[in-house]
Amino acid sequence: MEDSHHPVELQREEFARYSRHLTLPEVGPEGQRKLKRSSVLVIGAGGLGAPVSLYLAAAGVGRIGLVDFDRVEVSNLQRQVLFGDQDVGRPKVEAARERLAAINPFVKLELHDTRLTPSNAMSLLEPYDLVVDGTDNFPTRYLVNDACVLAGKTNMYGSIYRFEGQASVFADTNGPCYRCLFPEPPAPGAVPNCAEGGVLGVLPGIIGSIQATEAIKRLLGAGTSLVGRLLLFDALEMRFRELALRKDPDCPVCGKRPLITSLDDPQAMESYQEVCAVTVEPDRGPTAGILDVTTLKQKLDRGEKPFILDVRTRMEWEICHLDGSTLLPLNELPGRAAEMVPREREIVVICHSGIRSAAAVEWLAGAGYRSVSNLTGGIDAWAAVIDSEMPRY
């Protein structure tokens, strides 16, 4: 973290900039120099990565790496405070560079406009002192955890969903890792993502600020960290709770006899599979398969009348839906399929992005429905490719 052979001094302008830090006994001039000598890799420039990177830059962390391959969308602006209307369509890391440089020109920014993968994770983590996990999906979250354990990098963890968030510090010496808490990812579609389940706009600001606080404390060597503790926040109740965590001696990655010793181990690779790429194999049912939005549009234009089954929630349905489709939320499917879903017609199942509909197709095919397809990309793909007037969320 700190290299005494290459001392870093504060410039004259920085004394004024960091004056409120310099008067804190826990920071002071030497602590501020520690921050300037330090480096943090922030994975994800979304809801969590935005406040994290803003506060790390403002605090004077000397080198900040930002990993994100996405572009700014209008739906990001409700919570991703790095961006504005002028940034829509731009790569997130490029837009973030301008915002962070405007906050603190003394910080060196390193942009990684790429997806984190098992093949590049170790090399991306290696040059940094610690890692902040700002990801929004389970495969990448497990990848970040495993890479941090194997690389010996502390992982400042956070996650958000609807009105609830959680934070902890994982992969620290003698502390638990994410797999100690959740050994395996949930089944595809079992937990909706933020697009499907929603998220209160200010929630990532709260959790991201906690992650940034933990990172700064670690770099300073100050205070008590969240190692061994999971902090839970409920915004509706405005309540914090805390769960004690312990290192699992049988953890597959950080235990006494680890099964995962590299990111290309089979057990590890299974956790990193993109849930958004889940498709239903043809042998799950007589004719279960997939259908893209262009093919569905062509079918409808030809006058074909497949039974379009929408398995989203009613709130999502009210935002947008396909004319002629039938709403049956996924959790109601087993109990109501017999009365609502015809067996004699071709069935096309749709959700927001294709995850829940894949699970529905699997269930229907297993229940004997003979012609069932999953609409890949879901209603979001339909809005993007077919109907530009349809609201997106």
Protein backbone atom coordinates (compact mmCIF):
# COMPACT_ATOMS: atom_id res chain seq x y z
CA MET A 1 0.00 0.00 0.00
CA GLU A 2 2.52 2.55 1.20
CA ASP A 3 5.99 2.69 -0.35
CA SER A 4 8.47 4.43 1.96
CA HIS A 5 11.12 4.30 -0.76
CA HIS A 6 9.03 6.59 -2.94
CA PRO A 7 7.63 9.25 -0.61
CA VAL A 8 4.73 11.29 -1.91
CA GLU A 9 4.34 14.86 -0.73
CA LEU A 10 1.25 17.00 -0.78
CA GLN A 11 1.32 19.98 -3.09
CA ARG A 12 0.60 23.42 -1.71
CA GLU A 13 -2.90 23.48 -3.21
CA GLU A 14 -3.71 20.15 -1.59
CA PHE A 15 -3.28 21.48 1.94
CA ALA A 16 -6.27 23.76 1.38
CA ARG A 17 -8.23 21.07 -0.44
CA TYR A 18 -7.85 18.50 2.34
CA SER A 19 -7.87 20.92 5.28
CA ARG A 20 -10.83 19.19 6.96
CA HIS A 21 -8.90 15.92 6.81
CA LEU A 22 -5.69 17.44 8.04
CA THR A 23 -7.29 18.59 11.29
CA LEU A 24 -8.53 15.09 12.11
CA PRO A 25 -6.11 13.34 14.48
CA GLU A 26 -6.89 10.03 12.73
CA VAL A 27 -5.81 11.48 9.37
CA GLY A 28 -3.54 14.52 9.59
CA PRO A 29 -0.84 15.29 6.99
CA GLU A 30 0.67 11.79 7.21
CA GLY A 31 -2.71 10.11 6.75
CA GLN A 32 -3.40 12.29 3.73
CA ARG A 33 -0.05 11.25 2.29
CA LYS A 34 -1.07 7.61 2.85
CA LEU A 35 -4.22 8.20 0.82
CA LYS A 36 -2.23 9.86 -1.95
CA ARG A 37 0.15 6.89 -2.05
CA SER A 38 -2.75 4.43 -2.21
CA SER A 39 -4.69 2.85 -5.05
CA VAL A 40 -8.20 1.41 -5.28
CA LEU A 41 -9.89 -0.55 -8.06
CA VAL A 42 -13.63 0.14 -8.32
CA ILE A 43 -15.43 -2.59 -10.27
CA GLY A 44 -18.60 -1.17 -11.76
CA ALA A 45 -19.46 2.48 -12.42
CA GLY A 46 -23.16 2.07 -11.68
CA GLY A 47 -25.29 2.81 -8.64
CA LEU A 48 -22.64 1.78 -6.11
CA GLY A 49 -19.52 2.62 -8.10
CA ALA A 50 -20.71 6.19 -8.67
CA PRO A 51 -20.73 7.38 -5.04
CA VAL A 52 -17.72 5.22 -4.19
CA SER A 53 -15.55 6.76 -6.91
CA LEU A 54 -16.80 10.28 -6.18
CA TYR A 55 -15.87 10.08 -2.50
CA LEU A 56 -12.57 8.28 -3.07
CA ALA A 57 -11.56 10.97 -5.55
CA ALA A 58 -12.70 13.79 -3.25
CA ALA A 59 -10.79 12.20 -0.34
CA GLY A 60 -7.55 12.23 -2.32
CA VAL A 61 -6.91 8.55 -3.01
CA GLY A 62 -3.95 8.86 -5.35
CA ARG A 63 -4.85 6.30 -8.00
CA ILE A 64 -8.35 5.05 -8.83
CA GLY A 65 -9.06 2.34 -11.39
CA LEU A 66 -12.56 2.03 -12.80
CA VAL A 67 -13.80 -1.13 -14.55
CA ASP A 68 -16.99 -0.93 -16.63
CA PHE A 69 -17.87 -1.86 -20.20
CA ASP A 70 -21.36 -0.33 -20.29
CA ARG A 71 -22.76 2.87 -21.73
CA VAL A 72 -24.88 5.44 -19.93
CA GLU A 73 -28.64 4.98 -20.29
CA VAL A 74 -31.46 7.31 -19.29
CA SER A 75 -32.63 4.81 -16.67
CA ASN A 76 -29.22 5.11 -14.94
CA LEU A 77 -29.69 8.78 -14.07
CA GLN A 78 -32.13 8.11 -11.20
CA ARG A 79 -29.28 6.77 -9.05
CA GLN A 80 -25.92 6.85 -10.88
CA VAL A 81 -24.81 10.31 -9.80
CA LEU A 82 -21.64 10.29 -11.89
CA PHE A 83 -23.68 11.01 -15.01
CA GLY A 84 -26.06 13.57 -16.53
CA ASP A 85 -28.31 13.84 -19.56
CA GLN A 86 -25.36 14.91 -21.70
CA ASP A 87 -23.67 11.56 -21.02
CA VAL A 88 -26.42 9.27 -22.34
CA GLY A 89 -24.94 6.93 -24.93
CA ARG A 90 -21.34 7.52 -23.84
CA PRO A 91 -19.09 4.84 -22.33
CA LYS A 92 -19.47 5.08 -18.57
CA VAL A 93 -15.75 5.17 -17.89
CA GLU A 94 -15.25 8.10 -20.27
CA ALA A 95 -18.07 10.10 -18.71
CA ALA A 96 -16.78 9.19 -15.24
CA ARG A 97 -13.29 10.47 -16.10
CA GLU A 98 -14.58 13.99 -16.72
CA ARG A 99 -16.68 14.07 -13.56
CA LEU A 100 -13.95 12.70 -11.29
CA ALA A 101 -11.23 14.88 -12.80
CA ALA A 102 -13.44 17.91 -12.17
CA ILE A 103 -13.77 16.90 -8.51
CA ASN A 104 -10.06 16.36 -7.93
CA PRO A 105 -7.39 16.96 -10.59
CA PHE A 106 -4.70 15.55 -8.25
CA VAL A 107 -6.08 12.00 -8.58
CA LYS A 108 -4.76 9.68 -11.28
CA LEU A 109 -7.62 7.89 -13.02
CA GLU A 110 -7.12 4.58 -14.81
CA LEU A 111 -10.00 3.48 -17.03
CA HIS A 112 -10.67 -0.14 -17.92
CA ASP A 113 -13.42 -0.12 -20.56
CA THR A 114 -13.92 -3.87 -20.43
CA ARG A 115 -15.98 -6.61 -18.84
CA LEU A 116 -14.37 -8.32 -15.86
CA THR A 117 -13.74 -11.95 -16.85
CA PRO A 118 -11.87 -14.94 -15.39
CA SER A 119 -9.11 -14.33 -17.93
CA ASN A 120 -8.46 -10.66 -17.06
CA ALA A 121 -9.51 -10.38 -13.41
CA MET A 122 -6.17 -11.23 -11.81
CA SER A 123 -4.20 -8.83 -13.99
CA LEU A 124 -6.71 -6.03 -13.39
CA LEU A 125 -6.59 -6.46 -9.60
CA GLU A 126 -2.85 -6.89 -9.26
CA PRO A 127 -1.70 -3.22 -9.38
CA TYR A 128 -4.14 -1.98 -6.71
CA ASP A 129 -4.09 -1.99 -2.91
CA LEU A 130 -7.72 -2.96 -2.47
CA VAL A 131 -10.94 -3.54 -4.41
CA VAL A 132 -14.44 -2.09 -4.14
CA ASP A 133 -17.18 -4.36 -5.49
CA GLY A 134 -19.81 -2.20 -7.19
CA THR A 135 -21.23 -5.00 -9.34
CA ASP A 136 -24.92 -5.69 -9.81
CA ASN A 137 -25.07 -9.39 -10.67
CA PHE A 138 -24.14 -12.65 -8.99
CA PRO A 139 -21.69 -14.08 -11.55
CA THR A 140 -19.44 -11.00 -11.39
CA ARG A 141 -19.82 -10.78 -7.61
CA TYR A 142 -18.47 -14.33 -7.22
CA LEU A 143 -15.71 -13.58 -9.70
CA VAL A 144 -14.65 -10.47 -7.76
CA ASN A 145 -14.66 -12.41 -4.50
CA ASP A 146 -12.61 -15.32 -5.79
CA ALA A 147 -10.11 -13.06 -7.55
CA CYS A 148 -9.66 -11.00 -4.35
CA VAL A 149 -9.04 -14.11 -2.26
CA LEU A 150 -6.54 -15.53 -4.75
CA ALA A 151 -4.79 -12.18 -5.24
CA GLY A 152 -4.75 -11.31 -1.53
CA LYS A 153 -6.78 -8.12 -2.04
CA THR A 154 -9.35 -6.90 0.48
CA ASN A 155 -12.86 -6.66 -1.00
CA MET A 156 -15.15 -3.79 0.05
CA TYR A 157 -18.52 -5.40 -0.66
CA GLY A 158 -21.93 -3.83 -1.14
CA SER A 159 -25.23 -4.77 -2.73
CA ILE A 160 -28.64 -3.16 -3.15
CA TYR A 161 -32.17 -4.32 -3.95
CA ARG A 162 -35.38 -2.32 -3.82
CA PHE A 163 -35.24 -0.56 -0.42
CA GLU A 164 -32.58 -2.75 1.18
CA GLY A 165 -28.80 -2.82 1.08
CA GLN A 166 -25.91 -4.59 2.71
CA ALA A 167 -22.20 -4.03 3.12
CA SER A 168 -19.20 -5.87 4.52
CA VAL A 169 -15.46 -6.31 4.09
CA PHE A 170 -14.46 -9.66 2.61
CA ALA A 171 -11.27 -11.53 1.72
CA ASP A 172 -9.35 -9.85 4.52
CA THR A 173 -6.65 -11.72 6.42
CA ASN A 174 -8.36 -14.27 8.70
CA GLY A 175 -11.80 -12.86 7.82
CA PRO A 176 -14.60 -14.50 5.82
CA CYS A 177 -15.12 -14.10 2.10
CA TYR A 178 -18.37 -13.79 0.16
CA ARG A 179 -18.49 -17.56 -0.41
CA CYS A 180 -18.33 -18.14 3.35
CA LEU A 181 -21.71 -16.38 3.47
CA PHE A 182 -23.14 -17.61 0.17
CA PRO A 183 -21.25 -20.72 -1.04
CA GLU A 184 -23.14 -20.89 -4.36
CA PRO A 185 -25.09 -18.38 -6.45
CA PRO A 186 -28.89 -18.58 -6.53
CA ALA A 187 -30.61 -20.34 -9.41
CA PRO A 188 -31.04 -18.19 -12.53
CA GLY A 189 -34.18 -16.07 -12.20
CA ALA A 190 -34.60 -16.78 -8.49
CA VAL A 191 -33.55 -13.22 -7.54
CA PRO A 192 -34.66 -10.36 -9.84
CA ASN A 193 -32.07 -7.78 -10.78
CA CYS A 194 -32.53 -4.05 -10.15
CA ALA A 195 -34.22 -3.54 -13.52
CA GLU A 196 -36.82 -6.16 -12.69
CA GLY A 197 -37.20 -5.57 -8.96
CA GLY A 198 -36.47 -1.85 -8.83
CA VAL A 199 -34.24 0.13 -6.49
CA LEU A 200 -34.75 3.33 -4.51
CA GLY A 201 -32.54 5.96 -6.11
CA VAL A 202 -30.82 7.14 -2.93
CA LEU A 203 -30.11 3.62 -1.63
CA PRO A 204 -26.86 3.06 -3.59
CA GLY A 205 -25.67 6.44 -2.33
CA ILE A 206 -25.99 5.20 1.25
CA ILE A 207 -24.39 1.79 0.68
CA GLY A 208 -21.72 3.17 -1.67
CA SER A 209 -20.77 5.77 0.91
CA ILE A 210 -20.31 3.00 3.48
CA GLN A 211 -18.07 1.11 1.04
CA ALA A 212 -16.01 4.25 0.43
CA THR A 213 -15.75 4.83 4.18
CA GLU A 214 -14.46 1.30 4.74
CA ALA A 215 -11.94 1.72 1.93
CA ILE A 216 -10.61 5.02 3.30
CA LYS A 217 -10.40 3.64 6.85
CA ARG A 218 -8.45 0.63 5.58
CA LEU A 219 -6.02 2.82 3.66
CA LEU A 220 -5.50 4.99 6.72
CA GLY A 221 -5.29 2.05 9.12
CA ALA A 222 -7.95 3.71 11.29
CA GLY A 223 -11.05 2.56 13.12
CA THR A 224 -12.88 -0.77 13.23
CA SER A 225 -13.83 -2.36 9.93
CA LEU A 226 -16.78 -4.50 8.84
CA VAL A 227 -14.62 -7.62 8.66
CA GLY A 228 -16.70 -10.42 10.16
CA ARG A 229 -19.85 -8.31 10.14
CA LEU A 230 -22.65 -7.93 7.58
CA LEU A 231 -24.33 -4.54 7.84
CA LEU A 232 -27.97 -4.59 6.72
CA PHE A 233 -29.93 -1.42 5.91
CA ASP A 234 -33.69 -1.07 5.44
CA ALA A 235 -34.53 2.32 3.96
CA LEU A 236 -38.28 1.99 4.48
CA GLU A 237 -37.84 1.35 8.19
CA MET A 238 -34.69 3.53 8.39
CA ARG A 239 -33.01 0.81 10.38
CA PHE A 240 -29.54 -0.71 10.44
CA ARG A 241 -28.96 -4.25 11.67
CA GLU A 242 -25.80 -6.29 11.93
CA LEU A 243 -25.05 -9.99 11.52
CA ALA A 244 -21.89 -11.64 12.80
CA LEU A 245 -20.00 -13.60 10.14
CA ARG A 246 -17.30 -16.18 10.55
CA LYS A 247 -14.74 -17.66 8.22
CA ASP A 248 -15.94 -21.05 6.97
CA PRO A 249 -13.13 -23.60 7.31
CA ASP A 250 -14.78 -25.57 4.49
CA CYS A 251 -15.16 -22.57 2.16
CA PRO A 252 -14.28 -23.72 -1.38
CA VAL A 253 -12.04 -20.70 -2.02
CA CYS A 254 -10.68 -19.43 1.34
CA GLY A 255 -11.05 -22.55 3.53
CA LYS A 256 -8.38 -24.83 4.90
CA ARG A 257 -8.54 -27.14 1.85
CA PRO A 258 -9.75 -24.89 -0.98
CA LEU A 259 -11.28 -26.48 -4.04
CA ILE A 260 -10.95 -23.28 -6.08
CA THR A 261 -7.30 -22.45 -6.59
CA SER A 262 -7.59 -20.56 -9.88
CA LEU A 263 -10.32 -18.71 -11.70
CA ASP A 264 -10.52 -21.40 -14.38
CA ASP A 265 -11.35 -24.21 -11.93
CA PRO A 266 -14.59 -25.93 -13.03
CA GLN A 267 -16.44 -25.13 -9.79
CA ALA A 268 -15.43 -21.50 -10.08
CA MET A 269 -16.36 -21.22 -13.76
CA GLU A 270 -19.85 -22.53 -13.02
CA SER A 271 -20.41 -19.57 -10.66
CA TYR A 272 -19.28 -17.07 -13.28
CA GLN A 273 -21.73 -18.10 -15.98
CA GLU A 274 -23.76 -15.11 -17.09
CA VAL A 275 -27.30 -15.63 -15.86
CA CYS A 276 -28.54 -13.32 -18.58
CA ALA A 277 -27.33 -15.82 -21.15
CA VAL A 278 -29.45 -18.64 -19.74
CA THR A 279 -31.41 -20.49 -22.39
CA VAL A 280 -33.60 -23.52 -22.13
CA GLU A 281 -32.19 -26.61 -23.75
CA PRO A 282 -34.42 -28.29 -26.30
CA ASP A 283 -34.48 -31.57 -24.39
CA ARG A 284 -36.30 -29.97 -21.42
CA GLY A 285 -39.56 -30.45 -23.31
CA PRO A 286 -40.83 -31.69 -26.71
CA THR A 287 -40.35 -28.34 -28.53
CA ALA A 288 -39.10 -25.89 -25.90
CA GLY A 289 -36.77 -23.32 -27.42
CA ILE A 290 -35.96 -19.64 -27.92
CA LEU A 291 -37.32 -16.87 -30.11
CA ASP A 292 -35.90 -13.42 -30.82
CA VAL A 293 -37.98 -10.27 -31.02
CA THR A 294 -37.54 -9.86 -34.78
CA THR A 295 -38.90 -13.35 -35.43
CA LEU A 296 -41.86 -12.72 -33.13
CA LYS A 297 -42.63 -9.47 -34.95
CA GLN A 298 -42.55 -11.32 -38.27
CA LYS A 299 -44.93 -13.96 -36.92
CA LEU A 300 -47.38 -11.31 -35.75
CA ASP A 301 -47.14 -9.42 -39.06
CA ARG A 302 -48.02 -12.64 -40.89
CA GLY A 303 -51.16 -12.92 -38.84
CA GLU A 304 -49.97 -15.77 -36.64
CA LYS A 305 -51.43 -15.70 -33.15
CA PRO A 306 -49.09 -17.28 -30.61
CA PHE A 307 -50.17 -17.15 -26.98
CA ILE A 308 -47.88 -14.50 -25.47
CA LEU A 309 -47.45 -15.18 -21.77
CA ASP A 310 -45.97 -12.32 -19.73
CA VAL A 311 -44.52 -13.53 -16.41
CA ARG A 312 -43.49 -10.14 -15.00
CA THR A 313 -45.18 -8.40 -12.08
CA ARG A 314 -48.31 -6.30 -12.52
CA MET A 315 -46.36 -3.11 -11.82
CA GLU A 316 -43.97 -3.95 -14.66
CA TRP A 317 -46.93 -4.81 -16.89
CA GLU A 318 -48.44 -1.36 -16.25
CA ILE A 319 -45.24 0.30 -17.44
CA CYS A 320 -45.38 -1.45 -20.82
CA HIS A 321 -46.62 -4.67 -22.39
CA LEU A 322 -47.32 -6.25 -25.78
CA ASP A 323 -50.85 -5.91 -27.10
CA GLY A 324 -52.69 -9.19 -26.83
CA SER A 325 -50.36 -10.69 -24.24
CA THR A 326 -51.58 -12.35 -21.06
CA LEU A 327 -50.15 -11.48 -17.65
CA LEU A 328 -49.39 -14.36 -15.28
CA PRO A 329 -46.57 -13.53 -12.81
CA LEU A 330 -43.94 -16.24 -12.50
CA ASN A 331 -44.74 -16.99 -8.87
CA GLU A 332 -48.38 -17.68 -9.82
CA LEU A 333 -47.57 -19.86 -12.82
CA PRO A 334 -47.64 -23.32 -11.17
CA GLY A 335 -51.00 -22.72 -9.54
CA ARG A 336 -52.79 -21.05 -12.46
CA ALA A 337 -51.23 -22.43 -15.65
CA ALA A 338 -53.94 -25.05 -16.11
CA GLU A 339 -56.71 -22.43 -16.20
CA MET A 340 -54.87 -19.69 -18.10
CA VAL A 341 -52.34 -21.24 -20.50
CA PRO A 342 -53.74 -23.18 -23.49
CA ARG A 343 -52.00 -26.40 -24.39
CA GLU A 344 -53.06 -26.43 -28.03
CA ARG A 345 -51.40 -23.12 -29.05
CA GLU A 346 -47.83 -22.03 -29.62
CA ILE A 347 -46.66 -20.25 -26.46
CA VAL A 348 -44.13 -17.40 -26.33
CA VAL A 349 -43.05 -16.45 -22.81
CA ILE A 350 -41.81 -12.95 -22.07
CA CYS A 351 -40.35 -11.07 -19.08
CA HIS A 352 -38.12 -8.01 -18.77
CA SER A 353 -34.86 -9.44 -20.06
CA GLY A 354 -35.37 -13.18 -20.61
CA ILE A 355 -34.33 -14.60 -17.22
CA ARG A 356 -37.67 -15.23 -15.52
CA SER A 357 -39.22 -16.29 -18.82
CA ALA A 358 -36.48 -18.93 -19.21
CA ALA A 359 -37.50 -20.38 -15.86
CA ALA A 360 -41.16 -20.28 -16.92
CA VAL A 361 -40.39 -22.05 -20.20
CA GLU A 362 -38.54 -24.75 -18.31
CA TRP A 363 -41.49 -25.28 -15.99
CA LEU A 364 -44.05 -25.32 -18.82
CA ALA A 365 -42.02 -27.74 -20.89
CA GLY A 366 -41.65 -30.00 -17.87
CA ALA A 367 -45.42 -29.83 -17.36
CA GLY A 368 -46.02 -31.16 -20.86
CA TYR A 369 -46.71 -28.00 -22.86
CA ARG A 370 -45.53 -28.94 -26.32
CA SER A 371 -44.66 -25.69 -28.11
CA VAL A 372 -43.02 -23.19 -25.77
CA SER A 373 -40.39 -20.56 -26.55
CA ASN A 374 -38.54 -17.97 -24.50
CA LEU A 375 -38.41 -14.46 -25.98
CA THR A 376 -34.72 -13.61 -25.69
CA GLY A 377 -34.05 -10.14 -24.37
CA GLY A 378 -37.66 -9.84 -23.21
CA ILE A 379 -39.77 -6.70 -23.36
CA ASP A 380 -36.62 -4.59 -23.11
CA ALA A 381 -35.33 -6.02 -26.40
CA TRP A 382 -38.73 -5.43 -27.99
CA ALA A 383 -38.60 -1.76 -26.95
CA ALA A 384 -35.00 -1.39 -28.15
CA VAL A 385 -35.37 -3.18 -31.49
CA ILE A 386 -39.03 -3.12 -32.51
CA ASP A 387 -40.96 -0.33 -30.79
CA SER A 388 -38.93 2.77 -29.95
CA GLU A 389 -42.06 4.45 -28.51
CA MET A 390 -42.41 1.81 -25.79
CA PRO A 391 -41.17 2.96 -22.35
CA ARG A 392 -38.03 1.21 -21.10
CA TYR A 393 -37.17 0.60 -17.47
